[in-house]
Amino acid sequence: MNIRRILAVILLLAPAGLAAKDHPKLEHPVAFQRAEIDKTGKKILAGKIWIMEADGSNLRQITFGPTYDEHPSVYADGEHVLYSEFQANGFITAQGARLVRLNIYTGVREIVGEEQGCALHHAGLSPIDDLLAYHRDCQGGKRVSQWIGLGDEAREIPFRATNGVRTRDGIIAMHEKNMNVSPREISLVFIPTDGEMKRMIRLTDEKFMHRRAAVSPDGRWMAWQTNMNGTDDEIYVADIHGEGARNLTNTPGDDGHPNYSRDGEWIVFESDRSGNWEIWRMRADGSAQEQLTEGKGQYVSTRPRM
């Protein structure tokens, strides 16, 4: 894969009056995707990256301009965010997207993954050693494949797999055997990354929609979004082999996009149980569930990550 790594670091100009010294240090930053809102409350752009403290305080927008920015992840250093940047004009084609690493305090960014005419998106950093998984699409959505690594180390997962998250010895991803079945049937699978990655181990059944897995920093647990308990999506947790699954949320409405905190004590997620999509958190055992944002309809597809 001919990915061009740009070594030059690009300095982004921060909005007037927001020097780096004005931004408080976040102990446990949460990054998510949200619309850019003007002073009247009107939505301007659907995809911008925002951050806040894990208790919902110090909320602010960190990407600006005409690009569509999505799927942020926080690096282990707590100072940088990885996200995909879609741009319609310039040297990136209309369907293209590149991976950007952004300092949340200084605005300095580095392009870490790029391929002309292709979109690198749905990227995610594992809480285990910041291991990377992402989608690569070079045909405008006709064929999206799951990849790990960049540059000369890039490898394609040889199965139909999406929304992957890395472990130390493999990747957990969504596998949809038949794209034309309704209702959709999606299982979670583990693919060891040793050798040619020819094995696929099923972690859930394939009768429901099991999606968006997250792994704990110690590699012992996985949480995911599923509708196997009824029509609503709930967040379940099981050991890393899929054993002992139990429902953590079990509330009216949909809950999804779980992600573990770096210390493994919390899971941040999105939920519409209060009437609008908002960001919530809970203890890793499902206790102490609390709403963190009050977006009043502006938090659709938040994809929160710690």
Protein backbone atom coordinates (compact mmCIF):
# COMPACT_ATOMS: atom_id res chain seq x y z
CA MET A 1 0.00 0.00 0.00
CA ASN A 2 1.54 3.27 -1.10
CA ILE A 3 0.88 5.38 1.96
CA ARG A 4 2.81 8.63 2.04
CA ARG A 5 3.85 9.70 5.52
CA ILE A 6 4.28 13.44 5.82
CA LEU A 7 7.04 14.21 8.26
CA ALA A 8 6.50 17.94 8.31
CA VAL A 9 4.43 19.00 11.31
CA ILE A 10 1.67 21.44 10.46
CA LEU A 11 0.76 24.13 13.01
CA LEU A 12 -2.96 24.86 13.15
CA LEU A 13 -3.97 28.34 14.18
CA ALA A 14 -6.15 28.22 17.29
CA PRO A 15 -9.27 30.39 17.40
CA ALA A 16 -8.66 33.93 18.60
CA GLY A 17 -8.17 34.17 22.34
CA LEU A 18 -7.65 30.43 22.86
CA ALA A 19 -3.92 30.11 23.44
CA ALA A 20 -2.60 26.79 24.69
CA LYS A 21 -2.15 28.23 28.19
CA ASP A 22 -5.90 28.92 28.34
CA HIS A 23 -6.79 25.24 28.05
CA PRO A 24 -6.94 23.38 31.37
CA LYS A 25 -5.13 20.08 31.64
CA LEU A 26 -7.57 17.18 31.29
CA GLU A 27 -6.97 14.24 33.62
CA HIS A 28 -9.06 11.76 31.60
CA PRO A 29 -9.97 13.37 28.24
CA VAL A 30 -12.94 12.08 26.28
CA ALA A 31 -12.91 12.75 22.52
CA PHE A 32 -16.00 12.51 20.37
CA GLN A 33 -17.60 13.60 17.12
CA ARG A 34 -20.20 16.34 17.22
CA ALA A 35 -21.57 19.10 14.98
CA GLU A 36 -20.03 22.57 15.01
CA ILE A 37 -22.60 24.97 16.44
CA ASP A 38 -22.75 28.74 15.87
CA LYS A 39 -23.66 31.33 18.51
CA THR A 40 -27.38 30.99 17.75
CA GLY A 41 -27.31 27.22 18.26
CA LYS A 42 -27.49 26.43 14.55
CA LYS A 43 -25.61 23.37 13.29
CA ILE A 44 -22.87 24.41 10.80
CA LEU A 45 -20.85 21.27 10.09
CA ALA A 46 -21.84 17.74 11.08
CA GLY A 47 -18.39 16.30 11.75
CA LYS A 48 -16.04 18.07 14.15
CA ILE A 49 -13.93 16.70 17.00
CA TRP A 50 -14.69 17.81 20.54
CA ILE A 51 -13.11 16.93 23.88
CA MET A 52 -14.08 17.18 27.53
CA GLU A 53 -13.08 15.88 30.93
CA ALA A 54 -14.47 12.47 31.89
CA ASP A 55 -17.02 14.14 34.18
CA GLY A 56 -18.39 16.28 31.32
CA SER A 57 -16.55 19.50 32.27
CA ASN A 58 -14.24 21.64 30.11
CA LEU A 59 -16.11 20.87 26.88
CA ARG A 60 -14.56 22.41 23.76
CA GLN A 61 -14.20 21.96 20.02
CA ILE A 62 -10.70 21.14 18.74
CA THR A 63 -11.04 20.82 14.93
CA PHE A 64 -12.30 23.57 12.65
CA GLY A 65 -12.68 24.42 8.98
CA PRO A 66 -14.52 22.79 6.05
CA THR A 67 -13.32 19.19 6.56
CA TYR A 68 -15.46 16.35 7.88
CA ASP A 69 -13.66 14.86 10.89
CA GLU A 70 -14.69 11.54 12.44
CA HIS A 71 -13.91 8.65 14.79
CA PRO A 72 -11.47 10.25 17.23
CA SER A 73 -9.32 8.24 19.63
CA VAL A 74 -7.24 9.53 22.54
CA TYR A 75 -3.59 8.45 22.69
CA ALA A 76 -2.19 7.01 25.91
CA ASP A 77 -0.30 10.26 26.59
CA GLY A 78 -3.64 12.05 27.05
CA GLU A 79 -2.42 14.95 24.93
CA HIS A 80 -3.07 13.76 21.38
CA VAL A 81 -6.10 12.62 19.40
CA LEU A 82 -6.18 10.50 16.24
CA TYR A 83 -9.02 11.05 13.77
CA SER A 84 -9.94 10.76 10.08
CA GLU A 85 -10.18 13.94 8.01
CA PHE A 86 -12.36 13.92 4.88
CA GLN A 87 -11.76 16.79 2.44
CA ALA A 88 -13.60 17.46 -0.83
CA ASN A 89 -11.03 19.80 -2.38
CA GLY A 90 -7.28 20.11 -2.57
CA PHE A 91 -4.95 17.16 -3.08
CA ILE A 92 -7.32 14.71 -1.37
CA THR A 93 -10.05 13.37 -3.65
CA ALA A 94 -13.73 13.68 -2.77
CA GLN A 95 -13.94 10.20 -1.25
CA GLY A 96 -10.49 10.35 0.33
CA ALA A 97 -9.60 10.67 3.99
CA ARG A 98 -6.33 10.80 5.87
CA LEU A 99 -5.38 9.98 9.45
CA VAL A 100 -4.35 12.96 11.57
CA ARG A 101 -2.66 13.12 14.98
CA LEU A 102 -3.57 16.36 16.79
CA ASN A 103 -2.21 17.88 20.00
CA ILE A 104 -5.32 18.92 21.91
CA TYR A 105 -3.52 21.76 23.70
CA THR A 106 -1.28 23.35 21.07
CA GLY A 107 -3.19 22.59 17.85
CA VAL A 108 -0.06 21.07 16.28
CA ARG A 109 -0.92 18.15 14.02
CA GLU A 110 0.82 15.49 11.98
CA ILE A 111 -0.58 13.49 9.07
CA VAL A 112 0.23 9.90 10.01
CA GLY A 113 -1.58 8.00 7.24
CA GLU A 114 -2.51 8.97 3.72
CA GLU A 115 -2.98 7.37 0.31
CA GLN A 116 -3.98 9.36 -2.76
CA GLY A 117 -7.49 8.47 -3.93
CA CYS A 118 -8.25 6.34 -0.86
CA ALA A 119 -10.08 6.89 2.39
CA LEU A 120 -8.51 5.76 5.65
CA HIS A 121 -11.33 6.02 8.16
CA HIS A 122 -13.13 4.42 11.11
CA ALA A 123 -9.74 4.43 12.81
CA GLY A 124 -9.41 3.32 16.40
CA LEU A 125 -6.55 3.17 18.90
CA SER A 126 -6.65 0.26 21.30
CA PRO A 127 -6.07 1.04 24.99
CA ILE A 128 -3.49 -1.72 24.68
CA ASP A 129 -0.29 -0.03 23.46
CA ASP A 130 -2.18 2.38 21.12
CA LEU A 131 -2.45 -0.39 18.51
CA LEU A 132 -4.21 0.87 15.38
CA ALA A 133 -7.02 -0.59 13.27
CA TYR A 134 -8.83 1.26 10.47
CA HIS A 135 -10.84 0.93 7.28
CA ARG A 136 -9.28 1.43 3.86
CA ASP A 137 -11.59 2.31 0.97
CA CYS A 138 -10.19 2.99 -2.46
CA GLN A 139 -13.35 2.47 -4.50
CA GLY A 140 -15.72 5.07 -3.11
CA GLY A 141 -17.49 2.71 -0.73
CA LYS A 142 -17.73 -0.29 -3.07
CA ARG A 143 -15.16 -2.25 -1.10
CA VAL A 144 -14.19 -1.35 2.44
CA SER A 145 -11.64 -3.58 4.12
CA GLN A 146 -10.15 -3.75 7.60
CA TRP A 147 -6.45 -2.95 7.96
CA ILE A 148 -3.82 -2.83 10.68
CA GLY A 149 -0.51 -0.98 10.58
CA LEU A 150 0.63 1.77 8.24
CA GLY A 151 3.16 2.16 5.48
CA ASP A 152 5.33 -0.87 4.78
CA GLU A 153 3.82 -2.66 7.81
CA ALA A 154 0.21 -2.34 6.61
CA ARG A 155 -1.73 -5.61 6.44
CA GLU A 156 -5.27 -6.33 5.26
CA ILE A 157 -7.56 -8.62 7.25
CA PRO A 158 -8.43 -11.45 4.79
CA PHE A 159 -12.04 -11.80 6.01
CA ARG A 160 -15.06 -9.52 5.73
CA ALA A 161 -14.41 -7.46 8.85
CA THR A 162 -15.23 -3.94 10.02
CA ASN A 163 -14.98 -1.77 13.16
CA GLY A 164 -11.96 -3.63 14.47
CA VAL A 165 -10.18 -3.14 17.79
CA ARG A 166 -6.72 -4.54 18.44
CA THR A 167 -5.49 -6.82 21.16
CA ARG A 168 -1.84 -7.74 21.67
CA ASP A 169 -2.13 -10.86 19.53
CA GLY A 170 -5.02 -10.14 17.19
CA ILE A 171 -8.04 -8.07 16.30
CA ILE A 172 -11.70 -8.25 17.33
CA ALA A 173 -13.99 -7.15 14.52
CA MET A 174 -17.53 -7.29 13.20
CA HIS A 175 -18.22 -10.04 10.65
CA GLU A 176 -21.37 -9.92 8.50
CA LYS A 177 -21.61 -13.16 6.58
CA ASN A 178 -24.41 -12.09 4.25
CA MET A 179 -24.83 -8.38 3.55
CA ASN A 180 -28.28 -8.90 2.00
CA VAL A 181 -30.01 -10.57 4.95
CA SER A 182 -32.70 -8.58 6.76
CA PRO A 183 -32.69 -8.22 9.69
CA ARG A 184 -28.91 -7.93 9.69
CA GLU A 185 -26.88 -10.67 11.35
CA ILE A 186 -23.47 -9.59 12.64
CA SER A 187 -21.11 -11.54 14.88
CA LEU A 188 -17.94 -10.51 16.70
CA VAL A 189 -14.88 -12.51 15.70
CA PHE A 190 -11.28 -12.72 16.84
CA ILE A 191 -8.59 -12.92 14.14
CA PRO A 192 -5.05 -13.73 15.36
CA THR A 193 -2.54 -11.46 13.65
CA ASP A 194 0.26 -14.00 13.60
CA GLY A 195 1.26 -15.42 10.24
CA GLU A 196 -1.18 -14.84 7.38
CA MET A 197 -4.22 -14.25 9.62
CA LYS A 198 -6.15 -17.19 8.17
CA ARG A 199 -8.05 -18.11 11.34
CA MET A 200 -11.32 -16.53 12.49
CA ILE A 201 -12.68 -17.43 15.94
CA ARG A 202 -16.30 -16.52 16.62
CA LEU A 203 -16.90 -14.74 19.96
CA THR A 204 -20.68 -14.30 19.69
CA ASP A 205 -23.51 -15.95 17.82
CA GLU A 206 -24.50 -14.58 14.41
CA LYS A 207 -28.25 -14.34 14.99
CA PHE A 208 -28.30 -10.69 16.08
CA MET A 209 -26.37 -7.46 15.53
CA HIS A 210 -23.25 -7.61 17.71
CA ARG A 211 -21.27 -4.45 17.00
CA ARG A 212 -18.54 -2.01 18.01
CA ALA A 213 -16.41 -4.02 20.39
CA ALA A 214 -14.08 -2.38 22.90
CA VAL A 215 -11.32 -4.05 24.90
CA SER A 216 -10.15 -3.28 28.43
CA PRO A 217 -6.58 -2.01 28.92
CA ASP A 218 -5.55 -5.24 30.64
CA GLY A 219 -6.83 -7.28 27.68
CA ARG A 220 -9.15 -9.39 29.85
CA TRP A 221 -12.57 -8.02 28.89
CA MET A 222 -14.57 -6.82 25.94
CA ALA A 223 -17.68 -4.65 25.83
CA TRP A 224 -19.94 -4.28 22.83
CA GLN A 225 -23.28 -3.05 21.51
CA THR A 226 -25.94 -5.66 20.75
CA ASN A 227 -29.68 -6.11 20.22
CA MET A 228 -29.73 -9.73 21.40
CA ASN A 229 -31.88 -8.80 24.43
CA GLY A 230 -34.74 -7.41 22.31
CA THR A 231 -35.32 -4.52 19.93
CA ASP A 232 -33.18 -1.99 21.81
CA ASP A 233 -29.39 -1.96 21.70
CA GLU A 234 -27.70 -2.60 25.02
CA ILE A 235 -24.06 -2.76 26.11
CA TYR A 236 -22.84 -6.20 27.15
CA VAL A 237 -19.54 -7.29 28.65
CA ALA A 238 -17.81 -10.68 28.54
CA ASP A 239 -14.32 -12.03 28.98
CA ILE A 240 -12.01 -11.62 26.01
CA HIS A 241 -13.09 -15.03 24.68
CA GLY A 242 -16.79 -14.06 24.70
CA GLU A 243 -17.64 -16.13 27.77
CA GLY A 244 -19.94 -15.03 30.60
CA ALA A 245 -21.77 -12.28 28.68
CA ARG A 246 -24.00 -10.00 30.74
CA ASN A 247 -26.00 -6.85 30.14
CA LEU A 248 -24.52 -3.69 31.70
CA THR A 249 -27.14 -1.13 30.68
CA ASN A 250 -30.55 -2.85 30.52
CA THR A 251 -32.55 0.38 30.16
CA PRO A 252 -35.19 1.71 27.73
CA GLY A 253 -33.68 3.26 24.62
CA ASP A 254 -30.51 2.43 22.71
CA ASP A 255 -27.00 2.32 24.20
CA GLY A 256 -23.91 1.96 22.05
CA HIS A 257 -20.31 2.78 21.11
CA PRO A 258 -18.74 1.64 24.43
CA ASN A 259 -15.13 2.48 25.14
CA TYR A 260 -12.96 1.77 28.19
CA SER A 261 -11.05 4.44 30.06
CA ARG A 262 -7.28 4.05 30.10
CA ASP A 263 -7.33 2.91 33.73
CA GLY A 264 -10.05 0.35 32.97
CA GLU A 265 -12.39 1.70 35.67
CA TRP A 266 -14.97 3.37 33.42
CA ILE A 267 -16.84 2.78 30.17
CA VAL A 268 -17.98 5.83 28.21
CA PHE A 269 -20.84 5.32 25.75
CA GLU A 270 -23.69 7.04 23.92
CA SER A 271 -27.38 6.65 24.73
CA ASP A 272 -30.74 8.10 23.69
CA ARG A 273 -32.51 7.00 26.88
CA SER A 274 -33.05 10.63 27.95
CA GLY A 275 -34.74 11.60 24.66
CA ASN A 276 -31.68 12.70 22.68
CA TRP A 277 -28.35 11.08 21.93
CA GLU A 278 -26.00 12.07 24.74
CA ILE A 279 -22.70 10.85 26.15
CA TRP A 280 -22.86 8.76 29.32
CA ARG A 281 -20.39 6.86 31.47
CA MET A 282 -20.59 3.98 33.94
CA ARG A 283 -18.26 1.92 36.04
CA ALA A 284 -16.81 -1.09 34.25
CA ASP A 285 -19.25 -3.30 36.18
CA GLY A 286 -22.25 -1.26 34.97
CA SER A 287 -22.82 0.72 38.18
CA ALA A 288 -22.91 4.51 38.62
CA GLN A 289 -24.43 5.30 35.22
CA GLU A 290 -24.54 9.05 34.62
CA GLN A 291 -25.21 11.43 31.75
CA LEU A 292 -22.26 13.69 30.89
CA THR A 293 -23.61 15.97 28.17
CA GLU A 294 -26.73 18.00 27.50
CA GLY A 295 -26.52 18.43 23.74
CA LYS A 296 -30.27 18.72 23.06
CA GLY A 297 -30.11 16.79 19.80
CA GLN A 298 -26.64 17.86 18.65
CA TYR A 299 -24.83 14.66 19.65
CA VAL A 300 -25.95 12.21 16.97
CA SER A 301 -23.16 9.68 16.13
CA THR A 302 -20.89 10.84 18.92
CA ARG A 303 -18.56 7.82 19.01
CA PRO A 304 -17.00 8.77 22.36
CA ARG A 305 -13.54 7.46 23.23
CA MET A 306 -11.28 7.91 26.24
